[in-house]
Amino acid sequence: MRDGKDLAARDAKRDLGAELLASVKAMKANEAARVTEVAPTLAAEARTKTEL
């Protein structure tokens, strides 16, 4: 595990503004880094059908 000094040194080299801007552009272009699909449970399907 990294200690605080290692993390601070790593973070000092990062350009968070550029990283965030790149992330927003990727989201707007619908370029997801990962896609998570969750299968609904039987109970959730029943609630949807009965509009609960």
PDB file of N, CA and C in Angstrom:
ATOM      1  N   MET A   1       0.847  -1.176   0.000  1.00  0.00           N
ATOM      2  CA  MET A   1       0.000   0.000   0.000  1.00  0.00           C
ATOM      3  C   MET A   1       0.898   1.246   0.000  1.00  0.00           C
ATOM      4  N   ARG A   2       0.445   2.255  -0.661  1.00  0.00           N
ATOM      5  CA  ARG A   2       1.230   3.489  -0.744  1.00  0.00           C
ATOM      6  C   ARG A   2       1.025   4.342   0.490  1.00  0.00           C
ATOM      7  N   ASP A   3       2.073   5.054   0.864  1.00  0.00           N
ATOM      8  CA  ASP A   3       1.920   5.971   1.986  1.00  0.00           C
ATOM      9  C   ASP A   3       1.571   7.364   1.449  1.00  0.00           C
ATOM     10  N   GLY A   4       1.361   8.291   2.340  1.00  0.00           N
ATOM     11  CA  GLY A   4       0.927   9.627   1.960  1.00  0.00           C
ATOM     12  C   GLY A   4       1.915  10.368   1.073  1.00  0.00           C
ATOM     13  N   LYS A   5       3.206  10.151   1.303  1.00  0.00           N
ATOM     14  CA  LYS A   5       4.213  10.848   0.502  1.00  0.00           C
ATOM     15  C   LYS A   5       4.204  10.350  -0.935  1.00  0.00           C
ATOM     16  N   ASP A   6       4.052   9.034  -1.118  1.00  0.00           N
ATOM     17  CA  ASP A   6       3.989   8.476  -2.474  1.00  0.00           C
ATOM     18  C   ASP A   6       2.783   9.016  -3.235  1.00  0.00           C
ATOM     19  N   LEU A   7       1.649   9.061  -2.556  1.00  0.00           N
ATOM     20  CA  LEU A   7       0.428   9.557  -3.197  1.00  0.00           C
ATOM     21  C   LEU A   7       0.545  11.039  -3.537  1.00  0.00           C
ATOM     22  N   ALA A   8       1.120  11.803  -2.631  1.00  0.00           N
ATOM     23  CA  ALA A   8       1.283  13.232  -2.873  1.00  0.00           C
ATOM     24  C   ALA A   8       2.213  13.468  -4.056  1.00  0.00           C
ATOM     25  N   ALA A   9       3.289  12.693  -4.151  1.00  0.00           N
ATOM     26  CA  ALA A   9       4.229  12.836  -5.268  1.00  0.00           C
ATOM     27  C   ALA A   9       3.547  12.474  -6.585  1.00  0.00           C
ATOM     28  N   ARG A  10       2.747  11.416  -6.566  1.00  0.00           N
ATOM     29  CA  ARG A  10       2.025  11.009  -7.781  1.00  0.00           C
ATOM     30  C   ARG A  10       1.021  12.088  -8.181  1.00  0.00           C
ATOM     31  N   ASP A  11       0.272  12.570  -7.216  1.00  0.00           N
ATOM     32  CA  ASP A  11      -0.763  13.554  -7.516  1.00  0.00           C
ATOM     33  C   ASP A  11      -0.188  14.883  -7.975  1.00  0.00           C
ATOM     34  N   ALA A  12       1.015  15.216  -7.545  1.00  0.00           N
ATOM     35  CA  ALA A  12       1.645  16.471  -7.951  1.00  0.00           C
ATOM     36  C   ALA A  12       1.939  16.483  -9.442  1.00  0.00           C
ATOM     37  N   LYS A  13       2.089  15.317 -10.031  1.00  0.00           N
ATOM     38  CA  LYS A  13       2.407  15.212 -11.461  1.00  0.00           C
ATOM     39  C   LYS A  13       1.150  15.159 -12.335  1.00  0.00           C
ATOM     40  N   ARG A  14      -0.010  15.031 -11.716  1.00  0.00           N
ATOM     41  CA  ARG A  14      -1.245  14.874 -12.472  1.00  0.00           C
ATOM     42  C   ARG A  14      -1.854  16.229 -12.821  1.00  0.00           C
ATOM     43  N   ASP A  15      -2.527  16.269 -13.961  1.00  0.00           N
ATOM     44  CA  ASP A  15      -3.297  17.450 -14.360  1.00  0.00           C
ATOM     45  C   ASP A  15      -4.766  17.055 -14.261  1.00  0.00           C
ATOM     46  N   LEU A  16      -5.344  17.251 -13.091  1.00  0.00           N
ATOM     47  CA  LEU A  16      -6.712  16.807 -12.851  1.00  0.00           C
ATOM     48  C   LEU A  16      -7.711  17.500 -13.771  1.00  0.00           C
ATOM     49  N   GLY A  17      -7.466  18.754 -14.076  1.00  0.00           N
ATOM     50  CA  GLY A  17      -8.377  19.472 -14.975  1.00  0.00           C
ATOM     51  C   GLY A  17      -8.438  18.808 -16.339  1.00  0.00           C
ATOM     52  N   ALA A  18      -7.286  18.436 -16.879  1.00  0.00           N
ATOM     53  CA  ALA A  18      -7.240  17.772 -18.187  1.00  0.00           C
ATOM     54  C   ALA A  18      -7.872  16.395 -18.117  1.00  0.00           C
ATOM     55  N   GLU A  19      -7.653  15.674 -17.012  1.00  0.00           N
ATOM     56  CA  GLU A  19      -8.248  14.353 -16.858  1.00  0.00           C
ATOM     57  C   GLU A  19      -9.769  14.446 -16.792  1.00  0.00           C
ATOM     58  N   LEU A  20     -10.273  15.425 -16.050  1.00  0.00           N
ATOM     59  CA  LEU A  20     -11.716  15.601 -15.948  1.00  0.00           C
ATOM     60  C   LEU A  20     -12.330  16.010 -17.283  1.00  0.00           C
ATOM     61  N   LEU A  21     -11.666  16.906 -17.985  1.00  0.00           N
ATOM     62  CA  LEU A  21     -12.158  17.345 -19.282  1.00  0.00           C
ATOM     63  C   LEU A  21     -12.212  16.173 -20.259  1.00  0.00           C
ATOM     64  N   ALA A  22     -11.189  15.339 -20.265  1.00  0.00           N
ATOM     65  CA  ALA A  22     -11.173  14.159 -21.135  1.00  0.00           C
ATOM     66  C   ALA A  22     -12.303  13.199 -20.768  1.00  0.00           C
ATOM     67  N   SER A  23     -12.570  13.054 -19.479  1.00  0.00           N
ATOM     68  CA  SER A  23     -13.650  12.175 -19.027  1.00  0.00           C
ATOM     69  C   SER A  23     -15.007  12.697 -19.480  1.00  0.00           C
ATOM     70  N   VAL A  24     -15.209  13.996 -19.364  1.00  0.00           N
ATOM     71  CA  VAL A  24     -16.491  14.590 -19.783  1.00  0.00           C
ATOM     72  C   VAL A  24     -16.675  14.434 -21.286  1.00  0.00           C
ATOM     73  N   LYS A  25     -15.617  14.657 -22.041  1.00  0.00           N
ATOM     74  CA  LYS A  25     -15.708  14.492 -23.499  1.00  0.00           C
ATOM     75  C   LYS A  25     -16.030  13.054 -23.865  1.00  0.00           C
ATOM     76  N   ALA A  26     -15.438  12.099 -23.163  1.00  0.00           N
ATOM     77  CA  ALA A  26     -15.714  10.685 -23.431  1.00  0.00           C
ATOM     78  C   ALA A  26     -17.170  10.354 -23.099  1.00  0.00           C
ATOM     79  N   MET A  27     -17.683  10.907 -21.997  1.00  0.00           N
ATOM     80  CA  MET A  27     -19.081  10.652 -21.628  1.00  0.00           C
ATOM     81  C   MET A  27     -20.028  11.232 -22.672  1.00  0.00           C
ATOM     82  N   LYS A  28     -19.744  12.452 -23.120  1.00  0.00           N
ATOM     83  CA  LYS A  28     -20.603  13.091 -24.109  1.00  0.00           C
ATOM     84  C   LYS A  28     -20.570  12.351 -25.446  1.00  0.00           C
ATOM     85  N   ALA A  29     -19.431  11.707 -25.747  1.00  0.00           N
ATOM     86  CA  ALA A  29     -19.303  10.943 -26.990  1.00  0.00           C
ATOM     87  C   ALA A  29     -19.833   9.521 -26.814  1.00  0.00           C
ATOM     88  N   ASN A  30     -20.396   9.234 -25.617  1.00  0.00           N
ATOM     89  CA  ASN A  30     -20.962   7.918 -25.310  1.00  0.00           C
ATOM     90  C   ASN A  30     -19.895   6.825 -25.374  1.00  0.00           C
ATOM     91  N   GLU A  31     -18.696   7.149 -24.928  1.00  0.00           N
ATOM     92  CA  GLU A  31     -17.600   6.191 -24.882  1.00  0.00           C
ATOM     93  C   GLU A  31     -17.383   5.787 -23.422  1.00  0.00           C
ATOM     94  N   ALA A  32     -18.169   4.831 -22.985  1.00  0.00           N
ATOM     95  CA  ALA A  32     -18.088   4.413 -21.592  1.00  0.00           C
ATOM     96  C   ALA A  32     -16.824   3.606 -21.338  1.00  0.00           C
ATOM     97  N   ALA A  33     -16.220   3.846 -20.185  1.00  0.00           N
ATOM     98  CA  ALA A  33     -15.032   3.084 -19.796  1.00  0.00           C
ATOM     99  C   ALA A  33     -15.432   1.663 -19.441  1.00  0.00           C
ATOM    100  N   ARG A  34     -16.629   1.508 -18.903  1.00  0.00           N
ATOM    101  CA  ARG A  34     -17.155   0.183 -18.585  1.00  0.00           C
ATOM    102  C   ARG A  34     -18.674   0.248 -18.600  1.00  0.00           C
ATOM    103  N   VAL A  35     -19.272  -0.880 -18.853  1.00  0.00           N
ATOM    104  CA  VAL A  35     -20.727  -0.981 -18.865  1.00  0.00           C
ATOM    105  C   VAL A  35     -21.123  -2.061 -17.872  1.00  0.00           C
ATOM    106  N   THR A  36     -21.997  -1.709 -16.950  1.00  0.00           N
ATOM    107  CA  THR A  36     -22.461  -2.652 -15.948  1.00  0.00           C
ATOM    108  C   THR A  36     -23.918  -2.965 -16.224  1.00  0.00           C
ATOM    109  N   GLU A  37     -24.203  -4.234 -16.412  1.00  0.00           N
ATOM    110  CA  GLU A  37     -25.579  -4.660 -16.637  1.00  0.00           C
ATOM    111  C   GLU A  37     -26.040  -5.450 -15.420  1.00  0.00           C
ATOM    112  N   VAL A  38     -27.169  -5.069 -14.884  1.00  0.00           N
ATOM    113  CA  VAL A  38     -27.714  -5.725 -13.711  1.00  0.00           C
ATOM    114  C   VAL A  38     -29.021  -6.394 -14.112  1.00  0.00           C
ATOM    115  N   ALA A  39     -29.086  -7.690 -13.875  1.00  0.00           N
ATOM    116  CA  ALA A  39     -30.317  -8.425 -14.187  1.00  0.00           C
ATOM    117  C   ALA A  39     -31.322  -8.171 -13.067  1.00  0.00           C
ATOM    118  N   PRO A  40     -32.541  -7.769 -13.427  1.00  0.00           N
ATOM    119  CA  PRO A  40     -33.537  -7.510 -12.386  1.00  0.00           C
ATOM    120  C   PRO A  40     -33.978  -8.812 -11.714  1.00  0.00           C
ATOM    121  N   THR A  41     -34.263  -8.717 -10.433  1.00  0.00           N
ATOM    122  CA  THR A  41     -34.760  -9.878  -9.703  1.00  0.00           C
ATOM    123  C   THR A  41     -36.220 -10.113 -10.075  1.00  0.00           C
ATOM    124  N   LEU A  42     -36.723 -11.266  -9.717  1.00  0.00           N
ATOM    125  CA  LEU A  42     -38.135 -11.559  -9.981  1.00  0.00           C
ATOM    126  C   LEU A  42     -39.034 -10.556  -9.268  1.00  0.00           C
ATOM    127  N   ALA A  43     -38.666 -10.182  -8.061  1.00  0.00           N
ATOM    128  CA  ALA A  43     -39.464  -9.221  -7.300  1.00  0.00           C
ATOM    129  C   ALA A  43     -39.482  -7.863  -8.003  1.00  0.00           C
ATOM    130  N   ALA A  44     -38.352  -7.438  -8.533  1.00  0.00           N
ATOM    131  CA  ALA A  44     -38.289  -6.158  -9.229  1.00  0.00           C
ATOM    132  C   ALA A  44     -39.130  -6.204 -10.499  1.00  0.00           C
ATOM    133  N   GLU A  45     -39.082  -7.303 -11.212  1.00  0.00           N
ATOM    134  CA  GLU A  45     -39.907  -7.432 -12.419  1.00  0.00           C
ATOM    135  C   GLU A  45     -41.382  -7.375 -12.072  1.00  0.00           C
ATOM    136  N   ALA A  46     -41.767  -8.031 -10.981  1.00  0.00           N
ATOM    137  CA  ALA A  46     -43.173  -8.027 -10.541  1.00  0.00           C
ATOM    138  C   ALA A  46     -43.603  -6.611 -10.185  1.00  0.00           C
ATOM    139  N   ARG A  47     -42.746  -5.869  -9.486  1.00  0.00           N
ATOM    140  CA  ARG A  47     -43.074  -4.487  -9.114  1.00  0.00           C
ATOM    141  C   ARG A  47     -43.252  -3.621 -10.353  1.00  0.00           C
ATOM    142  N   THR A  48     -42.419  -3.842 -11.341  1.00  0.00           N
ATOM    143  CA  THR A  48     -42.512  -3.070 -12.583  1.00  0.00           C
ATOM    144  C   THR A  48     -43.822  -3.360 -13.303  1.00  0.00           C
ATOM    145  N   LYS A  49     -44.180  -4.624 -13.360  1.00  0.00           N
ATOM    146  CA  LYS A  49     -45.410  -5.011 -14.053  1.00  0.00           C
ATOM    147  C   LYS A  49     -46.647  -4.468 -13.349  1.00  0.00           C
ATOM    148  N   THR A  50     -46.609  -4.423 -12.013  1.00  0.00           N
ATOM    149  CA  THR A  50     -47.760  -3.927 -11.265  1.00  0.00           C
ATOM    150  C   THR A  50     -47.672  -2.434 -10.993  1.00  0.00           C
ATOM    151  N   GLU A  51     -46.617  -1.792 -11.515  1.00  0.00           N
ATOM    152  CA  GLU A  51     -46.394  -0.362 -11.381  1.00  0.00           C
ATOM    153  C   GLU A  51     -46.304   0.098  -9.939  1.00  0.00           C
ATOM    154  N   LEU A  52     -45.646  -0.690  -9.100  1.00  0.00           N
ATOM    155  CA  LEU A  52     -45.454  -0.299  -7.692  1.00  0.00           C
ATOM    156  C   LEU A  52     -44.196   0.529  -7.553  1.00  0.00           C
TER     157      LEU A  52
END
